[in-house]
């Protein structure tokens, strides 16, 4: 018998998208490494992958995250 049982904690009304099971869950049923959230509504959780895709594109195209190549760097040539 284990002395400490790993539990996920959450509040009723919090919604998550489980990456493992590819479904929306109320409350954290799965480990944190396998989920996105919490979201305020079921609908927000249903669009979790779209939201992540949009945010990734924004970050990839944000000039603040891309340093200009240094002059004379090995990448030039």
PDB file of N, CA and C in Angstrom:
ATOM      1  N   UNK A   1       0.848  -1.184   0.000  1.00  0.00           N
ATOM      2  CA  UNK A   1       0.000   0.000   0.000  1.00  0.00           C
ATOM      3  C   UNK A   1       0.889   1.240   0.000  1.00  0.00           C
ATOM      4  N   UNK A   2       0.605   2.133  -0.921  1.00  0.00           N
ATOM      5  CA  UNK A   2       1.401   3.349  -1.028  1.00  0.00           C
ATOM      6  C   UNK A   2       1.009   4.332   0.080  1.00  0.00           C
ATOM      7  N   UNK A   3       2.012   5.006   0.614  1.00  0.00           N
ATOM      8  CA  UNK A   3       1.733   6.009   1.641  1.00  0.00           C
ATOM      9  C   UNK A   3       1.136   7.269   1.037  1.00  0.00           C
ATOM     10  N   UNK A   4       1.622   7.611  -0.139  1.00  0.00           N
ATOM     11  CA  UNK A   4       1.146   8.825  -0.787  1.00  0.00           C
ATOM     12  C   UNK A   4       0.565   8.462  -2.137  1.00  0.00           C
ATOM     13  N   UNK A   5      -0.645   8.854  -2.346  1.00  0.00           N
ATOM     14  CA  UNK A   5      -1.297   8.604  -3.614  1.00  0.00           C
ATOM     15  C   UNK A   5      -1.270   9.881  -4.426  1.00  0.00           C
ATOM     16  N   UNK A   6      -0.794   9.801  -5.670  1.00  0.00           N
ATOM     17  CA  UNK A   6      -0.769  10.973  -6.538  1.00  0.00           C
ATOM     18  C   UNK A   6      -2.184  11.307  -6.950  1.00  0.00           C
ATOM     19  N   UNK A   7      -2.574  12.525  -6.685  1.00  0.00           N
ATOM     20  CA  UNK A   7      -3.916  12.936  -7.071  1.00  0.00           C
ATOM     21  C   UNK A   7      -3.833  14.184  -7.920  1.00  0.00           C
ATOM     22  N   UNK A   8      -4.765  14.295  -8.838  1.00  0.00           N
ATOM     23  CA  UNK A   8      -4.900  15.537  -9.576  1.00  0.00           C
ATOM     24  C   UNK A   8      -5.927  16.373  -8.821  1.00  0.00           C
ATOM     25  N   UNK A   9      -5.741  17.659  -8.824  1.00  0.00           N
ATOM     26  CA  UNK A   9      -6.666  18.526  -8.111  1.00  0.00           C
ATOM     27  C   UNK A   9      -7.271  19.510  -9.084  1.00  0.00           C
ATOM     28  N   UNK A  10      -8.466  19.884  -8.826  1.00  0.00           N
ATOM     29  CA  UNK A  10      -9.152  20.853  -9.665  1.00  0.00           C
ATOM     30  C   UNK A  10     -10.459  21.247  -9.022  1.00  0.00           C
ATOM     31  N   UNK A  11     -11.107  22.181  -9.649  1.00  0.00           N
ATOM     32  CA  UNK A  11     -12.373  22.674  -9.124  1.00  0.00           C
ATOM     33  C   UNK A  11     -13.494  22.302 -10.080  1.00  0.00           C
ATOM     34  N   UNK A  12     -14.672  22.049  -9.575  1.00  0.00           N
ATOM     35  CA  UNK A  12     -15.799  21.799 -10.467  1.00  0.00           C
ATOM     36  C   UNK A  12     -15.990  23.012 -11.384  1.00  0.00           C
ATOM     37  N   UNK A  13     -16.318  22.756 -12.615  1.00  0.00           N
ATOM     38  CA  UNK A  13     -16.508  23.847 -13.569  1.00  0.00           C
ATOM     39  C   UNK A  13     -15.255  24.192 -14.342  1.00  0.00           C
ATOM     40  N   UNK A  14     -14.117  23.574 -14.006  1.00  0.00           N
ATOM     41  CA  UNK A  14     -12.902  23.751 -14.788  1.00  0.00           C
ATOM     42  C   UNK A  14     -12.879  22.678 -15.872  1.00  0.00           C
ATOM     43  N   UNK A  15     -12.579  23.089 -17.076  1.00  0.00           N
ATOM     44  CA  UNK A  15     -12.575  22.170 -18.202  1.00  0.00           C
ATOM     45  C   UNK A  15     -11.166  22.018 -18.739  1.00  0.00           C
ATOM     46  N   UNK A  16     -10.848  20.814 -19.179  1.00  0.00           N
ATOM     47  CA  UNK A  16      -9.528  20.486 -19.696  1.00  0.00           C
ATOM     48  C   UNK A  16      -9.680  19.732 -21.009  1.00  0.00           C
ATOM     49  N   UNK A  17      -8.640  19.815 -21.849  1.00  0.00           N
ATOM     50  CA  UNK A  17      -8.589  18.983 -23.040  1.00  0.00           C
ATOM     51  C   UNK A  17      -7.483  17.961 -22.824  1.00  0.00           C
ATOM     52  N   UNK A  18      -7.829  16.687 -22.854  1.00  0.00           N
ATOM     53  CA  UNK A  18      -6.863  15.613 -22.639  1.00  0.00           C
ATOM     54  C   UNK A  18      -6.223  15.252 -23.974  1.00  0.00           C
ATOM     55  N   UNK A  19      -4.908  15.407 -24.050  1.00  0.00           N
ATOM     56  CA  UNK A  19      -4.159  15.093 -25.260  1.00  0.00           C
ATOM     57  C   UNK A  19      -4.035  13.588 -25.465  1.00  0.00           C
ATOM     58  N   UNK A  20      -4.064  12.835 -24.402  1.00  0.00           N
ATOM     59  CA  UNK A  20      -3.947  11.378 -24.468  1.00  0.00           C
ATOM     60  C   UNK A  20      -5.217  10.752 -25.043  1.00  0.00           C
ATOM     61  N   UNK A  21      -6.360  11.180 -24.521  1.00  0.00           N
ATOM     62  CA  UNK A  21      -7.639  10.589 -24.925  1.00  0.00           C
ATOM     63  C   UNK A  21      -8.356  11.397 -26.003  1.00  0.00           C
ATOM     64  N   UNK A  22      -7.827  12.579 -26.312  1.00  0.00           N
ATOM     65  CA  UNK A  22      -8.396  13.457 -27.342  1.00  0.00           C
ATOM     66  C   UNK A  22      -9.859  13.792 -27.043  1.00  0.00           C
ATOM     67  N   UNK A  23     -10.083  14.217 -25.784  1.00  0.00           N
ATOM     68  CA  UNK A  23     -11.451  14.569 -25.395  1.00  0.00           C
ATOM     69  C   UNK A  23     -11.439  15.635 -24.306  1.00  0.00           C
ATOM     70  N   UNK A  24     -12.585  16.272 -24.149  1.00  0.00           N
ATOM     71  CA  UNK A  24     -12.781  17.297 -23.126  1.00  0.00           C
ATOM     72  C   UNK A  24     -13.205  16.615 -21.830  1.00  0.00           C
ATOM     73  N   UNK A  25     -12.639  17.086 -20.716  1.00  0.00           N
ATOM     74  CA  UNK A  25     -12.962  16.521 -19.410  1.00  0.00           C
ATOM     75  C   UNK A  25     -13.261  17.643 -18.437  1.00  0.00           C
ATOM     76  N   UNK A  26     -14.239  17.414 -17.580  1.00  0.00           N
ATOM     77  CA  UNK A  26     -14.498  18.373 -16.500  1.00  0.00           C
ATOM     78  C   UNK A  26     -13.670  17.933 -15.310  1.00  0.00           C
ATOM     79  N   UNK A  27     -12.837  18.844 -14.844  1.00  0.00           N
ATOM     80  CA  UNK A  27     -11.917  18.488 -13.765  1.00  0.00           C
ATOM     81  C   UNK A  27     -10.741  17.736 -14.358  1.00  0.00           C
ATOM     82  N   UNK A  28      -9.615  17.762 -13.700  1.00  0.00           N
ATOM     83  CA  UNK A  28      -8.429  17.108 -14.249  1.00  0.00           C
ATOM     84  C   UNK A  28      -8.440  15.609 -13.985  1.00  0.00           C
ATOM     85  N   UNK A  29      -8.944  14.843 -14.927  1.00  0.00           N
ATOM     86  CA  UNK A  29      -8.944  13.391 -14.777  1.00  0.00           C
ATOM     87  C   UNK A  29      -7.594  12.786 -15.113  1.00  0.00           C
ATOM     88  N   UNK A  30      -6.853  13.439 -16.005  1.00  0.00           N
ATOM     89  CA  UNK A  30      -5.568  12.911 -16.468  1.00  0.00           C
ATOM     90  C   UNK A  30      -4.426  13.764 -15.924  1.00  0.00           C
ATOM     91  N   UNK A  31      -3.203  13.224 -15.945  1.00  0.00           N
ATOM     92  CA  UNK A  31      -2.045  13.973 -15.446  1.00  0.00           C
ATOM     93  C   UNK A  31      -1.819  15.269 -16.220  1.00  0.00           C
ATOM     94  N   UNK A  32      -1.231  16.229 -15.575  1.00  0.00           N
ATOM     95  CA  UNK A  32      -0.989  17.539 -16.160  1.00  0.00           C
ATOM     96  C   UNK A  32      -0.180  17.489 -17.445  1.00  0.00           C
ATOM     97  N   UNK A  33       0.721  16.540 -17.580  1.00  0.00           N
ATOM     98  CA  UNK A  33       1.544  16.442 -18.789  1.00  0.00           C
ATOM     99  C   UNK A  33       0.718  16.060 -20.008  1.00  0.00           C
ATOM    100  N   UNK A  34      -0.498  15.562 -19.788  1.00  0.00           N
ATOM    101  CA  UNK A  34      -1.342  15.094 -20.881  1.00  0.00           C
ATOM    102  C   UNK A  34      -2.547  15.985 -21.142  1.00  0.00           C
ATOM    103  N   UNK A  35      -2.551  17.205 -20.612  1.00  0.00           N
ATOM    104  CA  UNK A  35      -3.759  18.016 -20.790  1.00  0.00           C
ATOM    105  C   UNK A  35      -3.447  19.490 -20.988  1.00  0.00           C
ATOM    106  N   UNK A  36      -4.382  20.179 -21.613  1.00  0.00           N
ATOM    107  CA  UNK A  36      -4.380  21.636 -21.724  1.00  0.00           C
ATOM    108  C   UNK A  36      -5.500  22.132 -20.832  1.00  0.00           C
ATOM    109  N   UNK A  37      -5.283  23.269 -20.171  1.00  0.00           N
ATOM    110  CA  UNK A  37      -6.338  23.852 -19.364  1.00  0.00           C
ATOM    111  C   UNK A  37      -5.792  24.340 -18.044  1.00  0.00           C
ATOM    112  N   UNK A  38      -6.612  24.859 -17.195  1.00  0.00           N
ATOM    113  CA  UNK A  38      -8.070  24.805 -17.245  1.00  0.00           C
ATOM    114  C   UNK A  38      -8.667  25.890 -18.142  1.00  0.00           C
ATOM    115  N   UNK A  39      -9.846  25.593 -18.638  1.00  0.00           N
ATOM    116  CA  UNK A  39     -10.637  26.535 -19.424  1.00  0.00           C
ATOM    117  C   UNK A  39     -11.917  26.824 -18.665  1.00  0.00           C
ATOM    118  N   UNK A  40     -12.500  27.984 -18.924  1.00  0.00           N
ATOM    119  CA  UNK A  40     -13.702  28.406 -18.207  1.00  0.00           C
ATOM    120  C   UNK A  40     -14.953  27.687 -18.701  1.00  0.00           C
ATOM    121  N   UNK A  41     -14.918  27.189 -19.944  1.00  0.00           N
ATOM    122  CA  UNK A  41     -16.109  26.527 -20.481  1.00  0.00           C
ATOM    123  C   UNK A  41     -15.724  25.300 -21.298  1.00  0.00           C
ATOM    124  N   UNK A  42     -16.708  24.461 -21.505  1.00  0.00           N
ATOM    125  CA  UNK A  42     -16.520  23.266 -22.319  1.00  0.00           C
ATOM    126  C   UNK A  42     -16.131  23.652 -23.750  1.00  0.00           C
ATOM    127  N   UNK A  43     -16.761  24.709 -24.278  1.00  0.00           N
ATOM    128  CA  UNK A  43     -16.492  25.145 -25.640  1.00  0.00           C
ATOM    129  C   UNK A  43     -15.037  25.592 -25.809  1.00  0.00           C
ATOM    130  N   UNK A  44     -14.503  26.324 -24.829  1.00  0.00           N
ATOM    131  CA  UNK A  44     -13.102  26.742 -24.887  1.00  0.00           C
ATOM    132  C   UNK A  44     -12.187  25.517 -24.911  1.00  0.00           C
ATOM    133  N   UNK A  45     -12.484  24.536 -24.085  1.00  0.00           N
ATOM    134  CA  UNK A  45     -11.668  23.326 -24.034  1.00  0.00           C
ATOM    135  C   UNK A  45     -11.752  22.547 -25.345  1.00  0.00           C
ATOM    136  N   UNK A  46     -12.919  22.562 -25.993  1.00  0.00           N
ATOM    137  CA  UNK A  46     -13.071  21.865 -27.265  1.00  0.00           C
ATOM    138  C   UNK A  46     -12.176  22.464 -28.347  1.00  0.00           C
ATOM    139  N   UNK A  47     -11.867  23.745 -28.222  1.00  0.00           N
ATOM    140  CA  UNK A  47     -11.039  24.436 -29.216  1.00  0.00           C
ATOM    141  C   UNK A  47      -9.590  24.582 -28.752  1.00  0.00           C
ATOM    142  N   UNK A  48      -9.169  23.790 -27.782  1.00  0.00           N
ATOM    143  CA  UNK A  48      -7.828  23.917 -27.201  1.00  0.00           C
ATOM    144  C   UNK A  48      -6.729  23.743 -28.241  1.00  0.00           C
ATOM    145  N   UNK A  49      -6.863  22.769 -29.121  1.00  0.00           N
ATOM    146  CA  UNK A  49      -5.822  22.532 -30.123  1.00  0.00           C
ATOM    147  C   UNK A  49      -5.764  23.670 -31.136  1.00  0.00           C
ATOM    148  N   UNK A  50      -6.921  24.206 -31.513  1.00  0.00           N
ATOM    149  CA  UNK A  50      -6.948  25.360 -32.430  1.00  0.00           C
ATOM    150  C   UNK A  50      -6.289  26.571 -31.775  1.00  0.00           C
ATOM    151  N   UNK A  51      -6.626  26.795 -30.514  1.00  0.00           N
ATOM    152  CA  UNK A  51      -6.048  27.921 -29.781  1.00  0.00           C
ATOM    153  C   UNK A  51      -4.535  27.782 -29.697  1.00  0.00           C
ATOM    154  N   UNK A  52      -4.052  26.577 -29.396  1.00  0.00           N
ATOM    155  CA  UNK A  52      -2.611  26.347 -29.303  1.00  0.00           C
ATOM    156  C   UNK A  52      -1.944  26.562 -30.663  1.00  0.00           C
ATOM    157  N   UNK A  53      -2.572  26.088 -31.729  1.00  0.00           N
ATOM    158  CA  UNK A  53      -2.023  26.250 -33.083  1.00  0.00           C
ATOM    159  C   UNK A  53      -1.919  27.732 -33.439  1.00  0.00           C
ATOM    160  N   UNK A  54      -2.973  28.502 -33.138  1.00  0.00           N
ATOM    161  CA  UNK A  54      -2.966  29.938 -33.425  1.00  0.00           C
ATOM    162  C   UNK A  54      -1.884  30.658 -32.622  1.00  0.00           C
ATOM    163  N   UNK A  55      -1.758  30.317 -31.358  1.00  0.00           N
ATOM    164  CA  UNK A  55      -0.740  30.960 -30.512  1.00  0.00           C
ATOM    165  C   UNK A  55       0.665  30.611 -30.985  1.00  0.00           C
ATOM    166  N   UNK A  56       0.878  29.364 -31.390  1.00  0.00           N
ATOM    167  CA  UNK A  56       2.193  28.973 -31.900  1.00  0.00           C
ATOM    168  C   UNK A  56       2.558  29.767 -33.143  1.00  0.00           C
ATOM    169  N   UNK A  57       1.598  29.965 -34.045  1.00  0.00           N
ATOM    170  CA  UNK A  57       1.861  30.756 -35.246  1.00  0.00           C
ATOM    171  C   UNK A  57       2.196  32.203 -34.895  1.00  0.00           C
ATOM    172  N   UNK A  58       1.450  32.758 -33.953  1.00  0.00           N
ATOM    173  CA  UNK A  58       1.729  34.132 -33.515  1.00  0.00           C
ATOM    174  C   UNK A  58       3.146  34.236 -32.962  1.00  0.00           C
ATOM    175  N   UNK A  59       3.547  33.296 -32.131  1.00  0.00           N
ATOM    176  CA  UNK A  59       4.881  33.338 -31.525  1.00  0.00           C
ATOM    177  C   UNK A  59       5.972  33.117 -32.571  1.00  0.00           C
ATOM    178  N   UNK A  60       5.730  32.210 -33.514  1.00  0.00           N
ATOM    179  CA  UNK A  60       6.724  31.946 -34.550  1.00  0.00           C
ATOM    180  C   UNK A  60       6.957  33.163 -35.439  1.00  0.00           C
ATOM    181  N   UNK A  61       5.907  33.972 -35.602  1.00  0.00           N
ATOM    182  CA  UNK A  61       6.006  35.147 -36.466  1.00  0.00           C
ATOM    183  C   UNK A  61       6.255  36.443 -35.707  1.00  0.00           C
ATOM    184  N   UNK A  62       6.472  36.355 -34.419  1.00  0.00           N
ATOM    185  CA  UNK A  62       6.721  37.535 -33.599  1.00  0.00           C
ATOM    186  C   UNK A  62       8.201  37.913 -33.696  1.00  0.00           C
ATOM    187  N   UNK A  63       8.499  39.077 -34.242  1.00  0.00           N
ATOM    188  CA  UNK A  63       9.908  39.455 -34.416  1.00  0.00           C
ATOM    189  C   UNK A  63      10.670  39.589 -33.098  1.00  0.00           C
ATOM    190  N   UNK A  64       9.964  39.782 -32.001  1.00  0.00           N
ATOM    191  CA  UNK A  64      10.655  39.888 -30.713  1.00  0.00           C
ATOM    192  C   UNK A  64      11.284  38.565 -30.292  1.00  0.00           C
ATOM    193  N   UNK A  65      10.835  37.433 -30.868  1.00  0.00           N
ATOM    194  CA  UNK A  65      11.358  36.130 -30.510  1.00  0.00           C
ATOM    195  C   UNK A  65      12.457  35.654 -31.451  1.00  0.00           C
ATOM    196  N   UNK A  66      12.738  36.455 -32.474  1.00  0.00           N
ATOM    197  CA  UNK A  66      13.742  36.052 -33.452  1.00  0.00           C
ATOM    198  C   UNK A  66      14.857  37.078 -33.470  1.00  0.00           C
ATOM    199  N   UNK A  67      16.039  36.657 -33.064  1.00  0.00           N
ATOM    200  CA  UNK A  67      17.195  37.547 -33.100  1.00  0.00           C
ATOM    201  C   UNK A  67      17.683  37.668 -34.532  1.00  0.00           C
ATOM    202  N   UNK A  68      18.161  38.845 -34.874  1.00  0.00           N
ATOM    203  CA  UNK A  68      18.765  39.037 -36.192  1.00  0.00           C
ATOM    204  C   UNK A  68      20.081  38.275 -36.218  1.00  0.00           C
ATOM    205  N   UNK A  69      20.432  37.682 -37.347  1.00  0.00           N
ATOM    206  CA  UNK A  69      21.705  36.965 -37.412  1.00  0.00           C
ATOM    207  C   UNK A  69      22.867  37.914 -37.156  1.00  0.00           C
ATOM    208  N   UNK A  70      23.835  37.449 -36.407  1.00  0.00           N
ATOM    209  CA  UNK A  70      25.012  38.267 -36.098  1.00  0.00           C
ATOM    210  C   UNK A  70      25.848  38.435 -37.356  1.00  0.00           C
ATOM    211  N   UNK A  71      26.424  39.582 -37.520  1.00  0.00           N
ATOM    212  CA  UNK A  71      27.270  39.839 -38.676  1.00  0.00           C
ATOM    213  C   UNK A  71      28.483  38.937 -38.621  1.00  0.00           C
ATOM    214  N   UNK A  72      28.787  38.314 -39.772  1.00  0.00           N
ATOM    215  CA  UNK A  72      29.960  37.453 -39.826  1.00  0.00           C
ATOM    216  C   UNK A  72      29.751  36.114 -39.145  1.00  0.00           C
ATOM    217  N   UNK A  73      28.479  35.724 -38.931  1.00  0.00           N
ATOM    218  CA  UNK A  73      28.244  34.437 -38.258  1.00  0.00           C
ATOM    219  C   UNK A  73      28.506  33.283 -39.215  1.00  0.00           C
ATOM    220  N   UNK A  74      28.654  32.106 -38.699  1.00  0.00           N
ATOM    221  CA  UNK A  74      28.956  30.917 -39.489  1.00  0.00           C
ATOM    222  C   UNK A  74      27.787  30.536 -40.392  1.00  0.00           C
ATOM    223  N   UNK A  75      26.569  31.036 -40.106  1.00  0.00           N
ATOM    224  CA  UNK A  75      25.407  30.699 -40.914  1.00  0.00           C
ATOM    225  C   UNK A  75      25.421  31.385 -42.268  1.00  0.00           C
ATOM    226  N   UNK A  76      26.160  32.471 -42.377  1.00  0.00           N
ATOM    227  CA  UNK A  76      26.204  33.202 -43.628  1.00  0.00           C
ATOM    228  C   UNK A  76      27.167  32.490 -44.572  1.00  0.00           C
ATOM    229  N   UNK A  77      26.916  32.591 -45.875  1.00  0.00           N
ATOM    230  CA  UNK A  77      27.924  32.025 -46.706  1.00  0.00           C
ATOM    231  C   UNK A  77      27.412  31.553 -47.955  1.00  0.00           C
TER     232      UNK A  77
END
